[in-house]
Amino acid sequence: MIYSRTDCLPADAGYDEERLEVLNKHFQKMIDADEILSANYCLSREGKVFANAAMGKLSYRDDDDRLLQPDTIQWIASITKLFCAVALFKLAEDGMLRLDQAVGEFIDEFKEVPFNRITIAHL
């Protein structure tokens, strides 16, 4: 397990540190069972990071013993769609945008035909 810098202690963010131990043990159990290669997380509340850790190997290669670091840049593939969807729905929930709004209201390249009819909901 490798920890990285945090802004405050979990307790200072209103988070029970024992829950982090449960999380760490769960990930380590999955790594030990070869269910996953590695795991990392960065948790924050109200803009303050209170937990930032990584565990496991960086590569499946037998000749590569490097460990995953909290700041390792990783390929996350299509999971970015999930982050975008959650962010868009949160903005809609907060009244900052509507799902029927044209994407062109936010991205100039989408203002012209044939892209001008694409809405946030289409994304």
N, C-alpha and C. Protein backbone atom coordinates (compact mmCIF):
# COMPACT_ATOMS: atom_id res chain seq x y z
N MET A 1 0.85 -1.16 0.00
CA MET A 1 0.00 0.00 0.00
C MET A 1 0.90 1.23 0.00
N ILE A 2 0.60 2.13 -0.90
CA ILE A 2 1.35 3.38 -0.99
C ILE A 2 0.37 4.53 -0.82
N TYR A 3 0.65 5.38 0.13
CA TYR A 3 -0.21 6.53 0.40
C TYR A 3 0.41 7.78 -0.19
N SER A 4 -0.43 8.75 -0.49
CA SER A 4 0.05 10.02 -1.02
C SER A 4 -0.50 11.16 -0.18
N ARG A 5 -0.07 12.34 -0.53
CA ARG A 5 -0.44 13.55 0.22
C ARG A 5 -1.96 13.73 0.28
N THR A 6 -2.42 14.19 1.42
CA THR A 6 -3.83 14.54 1.59
C THR A 6 -3.90 15.93 2.21
N ASP A 7 -5.08 16.54 2.08
CA ASP A 7 -5.28 17.87 2.65
C ASP A 7 -5.63 17.82 4.13
N CYS A 8 -6.22 16.70 4.55
CA CYS A 8 -6.64 16.57 5.94
C CYS A 8 -6.79 15.10 6.29
N LEU A 9 -6.98 14.83 7.55
CA LEU A 9 -7.23 13.47 8.01
C LEU A 9 -8.67 13.08 7.70
N PRO A 10 -8.95 11.79 7.54
CA PRO A 10 -10.32 11.37 7.27
C PRO A 10 -11.31 11.90 8.31
N ALA A 11 -10.93 11.85 9.58
CA ALA A 11 -11.82 12.33 10.64
C ALA A 11 -12.14 13.81 10.48
N ASP A 12 -11.17 14.59 10.01
CA ASP A 12 -11.39 16.03 9.80
C ASP A 12 -12.41 16.28 8.68
N ALA A 13 -12.57 15.30 7.79
CA ALA A 13 -13.54 15.41 6.70
C ALA A 13 -14.86 14.72 7.06
N GLY A 14 -14.96 14.25 8.31
CA GLY A 14 -16.17 13.57 8.74
C GLY A 14 -16.28 12.15 8.22
N TYR A 15 -15.13 11.51 7.98
CA TYR A 15 -15.11 10.16 7.43
C TYR A 15 -14.47 9.21 8.44
N ASP A 16 -15.07 8.08 8.63
CA ASP A 16 -14.58 7.07 9.57
C ASP A 16 -13.37 6.35 8.97
N GLU A 17 -12.21 6.50 9.58
CA GLU A 17 -10.98 5.91 9.06
C GLU A 17 -11.05 4.38 9.02
N GLU A 18 -11.85 3.78 9.87
CA GLU A 18 -11.99 2.32 9.85
C GLU A 18 -12.59 1.84 8.53
N ARG A 19 -13.41 2.67 7.89
CA ARG A 19 -13.99 2.31 6.60
C ARG A 19 -12.90 2.22 5.53
N LEU A 20 -11.86 3.04 5.66
CA LEU A 20 -10.75 2.96 4.72
C LEU A 20 -10.02 1.63 4.87
N GLU A 21 -9.89 1.16 6.09
CA GLU A 21 -9.24 -0.13 6.32
C GLU A 21 -10.04 -1.26 5.68
N VAL A 22 -11.37 -1.18 5.78
CA VAL A 22 -12.23 -2.18 5.13
C VAL A 22 -12.01 -2.14 3.62
N LEU A 23 -11.96 -0.95 3.06
CA LEU A 23 -11.72 -0.78 1.62
C LEU A 23 -10.36 -1.34 1.22
N ASN A 24 -9.33 -0.99 1.99
CA ASN A 24 -7.98 -1.48 1.69
C ASN A 24 -7.90 -3.00 1.75
N LYS A 25 -8.50 -3.59 2.77
CA LYS A 25 -8.49 -5.06 2.90
C LYS A 25 -9.26 -5.71 1.75
N HIS A 26 -10.35 -5.11 1.35
CA HIS A 26 -11.14 -5.65 0.24
C HIS A 26 -10.32 -5.66 -1.05
N PHE A 27 -9.69 -4.52 -1.36
CA PHE A 27 -8.87 -4.46 -2.57
C PHE A 27 -7.69 -5.43 -2.49
N GLN A 28 -7.04 -5.50 -1.33
CA GLN A 28 -5.89 -6.39 -1.19
C GLN A 28 -6.30 -7.85 -1.37
N LYS A 29 -7.46 -8.20 -0.84
CA LYS A 29 -7.97 -9.57 -1.01
C LYS A 29 -8.19 -9.88 -2.49
N MET A 30 -8.73 -8.92 -3.24
CA MET A 30 -8.94 -9.12 -4.68
C MET A 30 -7.62 -9.24 -5.43
N ILE A 31 -6.63 -8.45 -5.02
CA ILE A 31 -5.30 -8.52 -5.64
C ILE A 31 -4.66 -9.87 -5.35
N ASP A 32 -4.71 -10.29 -4.09
CA ASP A 32 -4.12 -11.57 -3.70
C ASP A 32 -4.77 -12.76 -4.41
N ALA A 33 -6.06 -12.64 -4.73
CA ALA A 33 -6.79 -13.71 -5.43
C ALA A 33 -6.66 -13.59 -6.95
N ASP A 34 -5.82 -12.67 -7.40
CA ASP A 34 -5.63 -12.42 -8.84
C ASP A 34 -6.93 -12.05 -9.56
N GLU A 35 -7.85 -11.42 -8.84
CA GLU A 35 -9.08 -10.94 -9.46
C GLU A 35 -8.85 -9.59 -10.13
N ILE A 36 -7.96 -8.80 -9.56
CA ILE A 36 -7.56 -7.52 -10.14
C ILE A 36 -6.06 -7.38 -10.00
N LEU A 37 -5.47 -6.58 -10.85
CA LEU A 37 -4.02 -6.37 -10.81
C LEU A 37 -3.64 -5.35 -9.74
N SER A 38 -4.45 -4.31 -9.65
CA SER A 38 -4.13 -3.21 -8.75
C SER A 38 -5.39 -2.40 -8.46
N ALA A 39 -5.27 -1.49 -7.52
CA ALA A 39 -6.38 -0.61 -7.17
C ALA A 39 -5.82 0.70 -6.65
N ASN A 40 -6.54 1.75 -6.90
CA ASN A 40 -6.19 3.03 -6.29
C ASN A 40 -7.44 3.86 -6.11
N TYR A 41 -7.37 4.79 -5.20
CA TYR A 41 -8.51 5.67 -4.96
C TYR A 41 -8.02 7.01 -4.42
N CYS A 42 -8.84 8.00 -4.63
CA CYS A 42 -8.61 9.34 -4.09
C CYS A 42 -9.98 9.83 -3.65
N LEU A 43 -10.15 10.03 -2.36
CA LEU A 43 -11.44 10.43 -1.80
C LEU A 43 -11.36 11.85 -1.27
N SER A 44 -12.42 12.60 -1.53
CA SER A 44 -12.45 13.98 -1.04
C SER A 44 -13.86 14.32 -0.58
N ARG A 45 -13.93 15.31 0.26
CA ARG A 45 -15.21 15.85 0.71
C ARG A 45 -15.05 17.35 0.82
N GLU A 46 -15.98 18.06 0.21
CA GLU A 46 -15.97 19.52 0.22
C GLU A 46 -14.63 20.07 -0.27
N GLY A 47 -14.10 19.44 -1.31
CA GLY A 47 -12.89 19.92 -1.95
C GLY A 47 -11.59 19.58 -1.25
N LYS A 48 -11.64 18.82 -0.18
CA LYS A 48 -10.43 18.45 0.55
C LYS A 48 -10.19 16.94 0.44
N VAL A 49 -9.01 16.58 -0.06
CA VAL A 49 -8.64 15.17 -0.18
C VAL A 49 -8.29 14.63 1.20
N PHE A 50 -8.95 13.52 1.59
CA PHE A 50 -8.66 12.93 2.90
C PHE A 50 -8.09 11.52 2.80
N ALA A 51 -8.08 10.95 1.60
CA ALA A 51 -7.48 9.63 1.41
C ALA A 51 -7.02 9.50 -0.04
N ASN A 52 -5.79 9.03 -0.22
CA ASN A 52 -5.22 8.88 -1.55
C ASN A 52 -4.22 7.73 -1.47
N ALA A 53 -4.57 6.59 -2.04
CA ALA A 53 -3.72 5.40 -1.89
C ALA A 53 -3.73 4.56 -3.16
N ALA A 54 -2.70 3.72 -3.27
CA ALA A 54 -2.58 2.78 -4.39
C ALA A 54 -1.96 1.49 -3.88
N MET A 55 -2.31 0.39 -4.53
CA MET A 55 -1.75 -0.91 -4.16
C MET A 55 -1.74 -1.82 -5.37
N GLY A 56 -0.84 -2.77 -5.38
CA GLY A 56 -0.75 -3.72 -6.47
C GLY A 56 0.31 -3.35 -7.48
N LYS A 57 0.41 -4.19 -8.52
CA LYS A 57 1.43 -4.02 -9.55
C LYS A 57 0.94 -3.09 -10.66
N LEU A 58 1.91 -2.48 -11.31
CA LEU A 58 1.62 -1.59 -12.42
C LEU A 58 1.37 -2.36 -13.72
N SER A 59 1.96 -3.55 -13.84
CA SER A 59 1.90 -4.28 -15.11
C SER A 59 1.66 -5.77 -14.88
N TYR A 60 1.03 -6.41 -15.84
CA TYR A 60 0.85 -7.87 -15.80
C TYR A 60 2.13 -8.61 -16.15
N ARG A 61 3.08 -7.93 -16.72
CA ARG A 61 4.32 -8.59 -17.15
C ARG A 61 5.09 -9.15 -15.96
N ASP A 62 5.56 -10.37 -16.08
CA ASP A 62 6.32 -11.03 -15.01
C ASP A 62 7.64 -10.34 -14.72
N ASP A 63 8.22 -9.71 -15.73
CA ASP A 63 9.53 -9.06 -15.55
C ASP A 63 9.40 -7.60 -15.11
N ASP A 64 8.20 -7.16 -14.76
CA ASP A 64 7.96 -5.78 -14.34
C ASP A 64 7.41 -5.78 -12.92
N ASP A 65 8.26 -5.44 -11.95
CA ASP A 65 7.86 -5.46 -10.55
C ASP A 65 7.44 -4.08 -10.02
N ARG A 66 7.29 -3.11 -10.90
CA ARG A 66 6.91 -1.77 -10.44
C ARG A 66 5.53 -1.80 -9.80
N LEU A 67 5.39 -1.02 -8.74
CA LEU A 67 4.12 -0.92 -8.04
C LEU A 67 3.34 0.29 -8.52
N LEU A 68 2.03 0.17 -8.46
CA LEU A 68 1.16 1.29 -8.80
C LEU A 68 1.37 2.39 -7.78
N GLN A 69 1.47 3.62 -8.23
CA GLN A 69 1.63 4.77 -7.35
C GLN A 69 0.33 5.59 -7.38
N PRO A 70 0.04 6.35 -6.32
CA PRO A 70 -1.18 7.16 -6.34
C PRO A 70 -1.26 8.15 -7.50
N ASP A 71 -0.12 8.57 -8.02
CA ASP A 71 -0.13 9.55 -9.12
C ASP A 71 0.15 8.91 -10.48
N THR A 72 0.07 7.59 -10.58
CA THR A 72 0.30 6.91 -11.85
C THR A 72 -0.81 7.27 -12.83
N ILE A 73 -0.43 7.67 -14.03
CA ILE A 73 -1.41 7.94 -15.08
C ILE A 73 -1.81 6.60 -15.68
N GLN A 74 -3.11 6.34 -15.73
CA GLN A 74 -3.60 5.05 -16.18
C GLN A 74 -4.56 5.21 -17.35
N TRP A 75 -4.62 4.20 -18.20
CA TRP A 75 -5.57 4.16 -19.28
C TRP A 75 -6.90 3.72 -18.69
N ILE A 76 -7.93 4.56 -18.82
CA ILE A 76 -9.22 4.24 -18.21
C ILE A 76 -10.30 3.97 -19.24
N ALA A 77 -9.95 4.01 -20.51
CA ALA A 77 -10.84 3.61 -21.61
C ALA A 77 -12.20 4.31 -21.53
N SER A 78 -13.26 3.56 -21.69
CA SER A 78 -14.60 4.13 -21.82
C SER A 78 -15.23 4.55 -20.50
N ILE A 79 -14.54 4.41 -19.41
CA ILE A 79 -15.13 4.80 -18.13
C ILE A 79 -15.35 6.32 -18.06
N THR A 80 -14.69 7.07 -18.94
CA THR A 80 -14.90 8.52 -18.96
C THR A 80 -16.35 8.85 -19.29
N LYS A 81 -17.03 7.99 -20.03
CA LYS A 81 -18.44 8.21 -20.34
C LYS A 81 -19.27 8.23 -19.07
N LEU A 82 -18.94 7.37 -18.14
CA LEU A 82 -19.65 7.33 -16.87
C LEU A 82 -19.46 8.63 -16.09
N PHE A 83 -18.21 9.12 -16.03
CA PHE A 83 -17.94 10.37 -15.33
C PHE A 83 -18.70 11.52 -15.96
N CYS A 84 -18.70 11.58 -17.28
CA CYS A 84 -19.42 12.65 -17.99
C CYS A 84 -20.92 12.58 -17.71
N ALA A 85 -21.48 11.38 -17.76
CA ALA A 85 -22.91 11.22 -17.51
C ALA A 85 -23.28 11.67 -16.10
N VAL A 86 -22.51 11.27 -15.13
CA VAL A 86 -22.79 11.66 -13.74
C VAL A 86 -22.69 13.18 -13.60
N ALA A 87 -21.66 13.78 -14.19
CA ALA A 87 -21.49 15.23 -14.11
C ALA A 87 -22.64 15.96 -14.78
N LEU A 88 -23.06 15.50 -15.96
CA LEU A 88 -24.17 16.14 -16.67
C LEU A 88 -25.47 16.04 -15.89
N PHE A 89 -25.76 14.86 -15.34
CA PHE A 89 -26.99 14.72 -14.56
C PHE A 89 -26.95 15.55 -13.28
N LYS A 90 -25.80 15.67 -12.68
CA LYS A 90 -25.67 16.52 -11.48
C LYS A 90 -25.92 17.98 -11.85
N LEU A 91 -25.35 18.43 -12.97
CA LEU A 91 -25.59 19.81 -13.42
C LEU A 91 -27.07 20.02 -13.74
N ALA A 92 -27.71 19.04 -14.35
CA ALA A 92 -29.14 19.14 -14.64
C ALA A 92 -29.95 19.18 -13.34
N GLU A 93 -29.59 18.33 -12.41
CA GLU A 93 -30.27 18.29 -11.11
C GLU A 93 -30.15 19.63 -10.38
N ASP A 94 -28.99 20.27 -10.52
CA ASP A 94 -28.75 21.56 -9.86
C ASP A 94 -29.31 22.73 -10.66
N GLY A 95 -29.96 22.46 -11.80
CA GLY A 95 -30.58 23.51 -12.59
C GLY A 95 -29.60 24.32 -13.43
N MET A 96 -28.40 23.82 -13.62
CA MET A 96 -27.39 24.57 -14.37
C MET A 96 -27.45 24.28 -15.87
N LEU A 97 -28.13 23.22 -16.26
CA LEU A 97 -28.38 22.94 -17.67
C LEU A 97 -29.59 22.03 -17.76
N ARG A 98 -30.14 21.94 -18.97
CA ARG A 98 -31.27 21.06 -19.23
C ARG A 98 -30.83 19.99 -20.23
N LEU A 99 -31.37 18.81 -20.10
CA LEU A 99 -30.98 17.73 -20.99
C LEU A 99 -31.43 17.97 -22.43
N ASP A 100 -32.44 18.84 -22.63
CA ASP A 100 -32.91 19.13 -23.98
C ASP A 100 -32.16 20.31 -24.62
N GLN A 101 -31.18 20.86 -23.93
CA GLN A 101 -30.38 21.95 -24.49
C GLN A 101 -29.45 21.44 -25.57
N ALA A 102 -29.24 22.28 -26.59
CA ALA A 102 -28.33 21.93 -27.68
C ALA A 102 -26.89 21.98 -27.18
N VAL A 103 -26.10 21.02 -27.58
CA VAL A 103 -24.68 20.98 -27.22
C VAL A 103 -23.98 22.23 -27.75
N GLY A 104 -24.48 22.76 -28.87
CA GLY A 104 -23.91 23.96 -29.47
C GLY A 104 -23.93 25.18 -28.56
N GLU A 105 -24.76 25.16 -27.53
CA GLU A 105 -24.76 26.26 -26.56
C GLU A 105 -23.49 26.26 -25.72
N PHE A 106 -22.79 25.15 -25.73
CA PHE A 106 -21.59 25.01 -24.92
C PHE A 106 -20.32 24.81 -25.74
N ILE A 107 -20.46 24.23 -26.93
CA ILE A 107 -19.31 23.91 -27.78
C ILE A 107 -19.55 24.49 -29.17
N ASP A 108 -18.76 25.49 -29.54
CA ASP A 108 -18.96 26.20 -30.80
C ASP A 108 -19.04 25.28 -32.01
N GLU A 109 -18.23 24.25 -32.05
CA GLU A 109 -18.20 23.35 -33.20
C GLU A 109 -19.53 22.63 -33.43
N PHE A 110 -20.42 22.65 -32.45
CA PHE A 110 -21.71 21.98 -32.57
C PHE A 110 -22.84 22.95 -32.91
N LYS A 111 -22.52 24.19 -33.25
CA LYS A 111 -23.55 25.18 -33.56
C LYS A 111 -24.05 25.08 -34.99
N GLU A 112 -23.28 24.47 -35.87
CA GLU A 112 -23.62 24.41 -37.30
C GLU A 112 -24.23 23.06 -37.67
N VAL A 113 -25.01 23.08 -38.77
CA VAL A 113 -25.58 21.86 -39.34
C VAL A 113 -24.45 20.91 -39.73
N PRO A 114 -24.54 19.65 -39.49
CA PRO A 114 -25.67 18.88 -38.99
C PRO A 114 -25.65 18.67 -37.48
N PHE A 115 -24.69 19.26 -36.81
CA PHE A 115 -24.50 19.00 -35.37
C PHE A 115 -25.40 19.84 -34.47
N ASN A 116 -26.03 20.87 -35.02
CA ASN A 116 -26.80 21.81 -34.20
C ASN A 116 -28.03 21.19 -33.55
N ARG A 117 -28.45 20.02 -33.97
CA ARG A 117 -29.63 19.38 -33.38
C ARG A 117 -29.27 18.40 -32.27
N ILE A 118 -28.00 18.22 -32.01
CA ILE A 118 -27.57 17.30 -30.95
C ILE A 118 -27.78 17.96 -29.60
N THR A 119 -28.46 17.26 -28.70
CA THR A 119 -28.73 17.79 -27.37
C THR A 119 -27.86 17.08 -26.32
N ILE A 120 -27.89 17.63 -25.12
CA ILE A 120 -27.18 17.01 -24.00
C ILE A 120 -27.68 15.57 -23.81
N ALA A 121 -28.98 15.36 -23.95
CA ALA A 121 -29.55 14.01 -23.78
C ALA A 121 -28.97 13.02 -24.77
N HIS A 122 -28.60 13.48 -25.96
CA HIS A 122 -28.02 12.56 -26.95
C HIS A 122 -26.65 12.04 -26.51
N LEU A 123 -25.96 12.81 -25.71
CA LEU A 123 -24.62 12.41 -25.29
C LEU A 123 -24.69 11.18 -24.41
